[in-house]
């Protein structure tokens, strides 16, 4: 999966990675993190996210950045990860994705 994501990312695709469980989403995102690939993890609360990538959640990032920098980060990020139940999160509402991996 990570190899496919790297190819898609190289082709300038914005990618949404989604799964039914937090663990399934986190398993892929942790592998991407170890490869040095940036992403934003969307979750209803940070405590459901694996500690290894908890600092990369929308909630964590939004606490560190002002509105302008957060907006820029959201627009330039090419990979987002969330569970299927978090797909309607406000951070995703103005974004479009080229590829969705479920």
Protein backbone atom coordinates (compact mmCIF):
# COMPACT_ATOMS: atom_id res chain seq x y z
CA UNK A 1 0.00 0.00 0.00
CA UNK A 2 2.77 2.45 0.89
CA UNK A 3 4.49 1.87 -2.45
CA UNK A 4 1.27 2.69 -4.29
CA UNK A 5 0.78 5.80 -2.15
CA UNK A 6 4.32 6.96 -2.92
CA UNK A 7 3.67 6.63 -6.66
CA UNK A 8 0.35 8.47 -6.39
CA UNK A 9 1.97 11.21 -4.32
CA UNK A 10 4.78 11.57 -6.85
CA UNK A 11 2.08 12.11 -9.49
CA UNK A 12 0.80 15.07 -7.38
CA UNK A 13 -2.43 13.36 -6.30
CA UNK A 14 -4.18 14.46 -3.11
CA UNK A 15 -4.98 11.24 -1.25
CA UNK A 16 -7.53 10.36 1.40
CA UNK A 17 -6.80 7.18 3.34
CA UNK A 18 -9.81 5.85 5.19
CA UNK A 19 -10.78 2.68 7.04
CA UNK A 20 -13.44 1.52 9.43
CA UNK A 21 -11.12 1.40 12.48
CA UNK A 22 -8.59 3.83 13.94
CA UNK A 23 -6.01 1.07 14.14
CA UNK A 24 -6.30 0.30 10.43
CA UNK A 25 -5.84 3.99 9.50
CA UNK A 26 -2.95 4.38 11.94
CA UNK A 27 -1.15 1.25 10.67
CA UNK A 28 -0.82 2.75 7.20
CA UNK A 29 -0.01 6.25 8.46
CA UNK A 30 2.71 4.97 10.79
CA UNK A 31 4.38 3.24 7.84
CA UNK A 32 4.19 6.45 5.82
CA UNK A 33 5.58 8.41 8.77
CA UNK A 34 8.57 6.05 8.96
CA UNK A 35 9.17 6.75 5.26
CA UNK A 36 9.19 10.50 5.95
CA UNK A 37 5.89 11.14 4.17
CA UNK A 38 3.81 13.95 5.64
CA UNK A 39 0.09 13.73 6.31
CA UNK A 40 -2.65 15.01 8.58
CA UNK A 41 -4.59 12.53 10.69
CA UNK A 42 -8.21 13.49 11.25
CA UNK A 43 -9.82 12.09 14.41
CA UNK A 44 -12.70 12.98 16.69
CA UNK A 45 -10.24 13.02 19.60
CA UNK A 46 -6.48 12.55 19.76
CA UNK A 47 -6.65 9.76 22.33
CA UNK A 48 -7.95 7.31 19.70
CA UNK A 49 -4.82 7.85 17.56
CA UNK A 50 -1.63 5.84 18.03
CA UNK A 51 0.84 7.83 20.17
CA UNK A 52 3.49 7.52 17.45
CA UNK A 53 1.53 9.84 15.15
CA UNK A 54 -0.63 11.73 17.65
CA UNK A 55 1.32 14.95 17.04
CA UNK A 56 0.21 14.80 13.40
CA UNK A 57 -3.51 15.02 14.10
CA UNK A 58 -5.55 17.99 12.98
CA UNK A 59 -6.37 18.76 16.63
CA UNK A 60 -2.70 18.81 17.62
CA UNK A 61 -1.60 20.86 14.60
CA UNK A 62 -4.42 23.38 14.99
CA UNK A 63 -3.30 24.14 18.56
CA UNK A 64 0.19 25.07 17.33
CA UNK A 65 -0.65 27.22 14.30
CA UNK A 66 -2.51 30.47 13.77
CA UNK A 67 -5.52 30.47 11.42
CA UNK A 68 -3.54 31.61 8.37
CA UNK A 69 -0.80 29.00 8.79
CA UNK A 70 -3.33 26.26 9.54
CA UNK A 71 -5.28 27.11 6.41
CA UNK A 72 -2.08 26.98 4.34
CA UNK A 73 -1.11 23.63 5.90
CA UNK A 74 -4.55 22.19 5.09
CA UNK A 75 -4.38 23.38 1.49
CA UNK A 76 -0.84 22.11 0.86
CA UNK A 77 -1.08 18.74 2.62
CA UNK A 78 -1.40 15.95 0.06
CA UNK A 79 -2.34 13.04 2.35
CA UNK A 80 -5.11 12.85 4.92
CA UNK A 81 -6.11 9.87 7.02
CA UNK A 82 -9.36 9.29 8.88
CA UNK A 83 -11.86 6.62 9.79
CA UNK A 84 -15.02 6.34 7.76
CA UNK A 85 -16.96 7.86 10.66
CA UNK A 86 -14.73 10.98 10.62
CA UNK A 87 -15.09 11.59 6.91
CA UNK A 88 -17.44 14.53 7.54
CA UNK A 89 -14.91 16.40 9.74
CA UNK A 90 -14.89 20.15 9.12
CA UNK A 91 -11.17 20.10 8.19
CA UNK A 92 -12.07 18.05 5.11
CA UNK A 93 -15.11 20.04 4.05
CA UNK A 94 -13.33 22.38 1.61
CA UNK A 95 -10.89 19.83 0.23
CA UNK A 96 -11.07 17.67 -2.85
CA UNK A 97 -9.21 14.42 -3.30
CA UNK A 98 -7.92 12.76 -6.44
CA UNK A 99 -7.72 9.34 -4.82
CA UNK A 100 -9.50 7.70 -1.89
CA UNK A 101 -8.04 4.49 -0.50
CA UNK A 102 -10.45 2.53 1.68
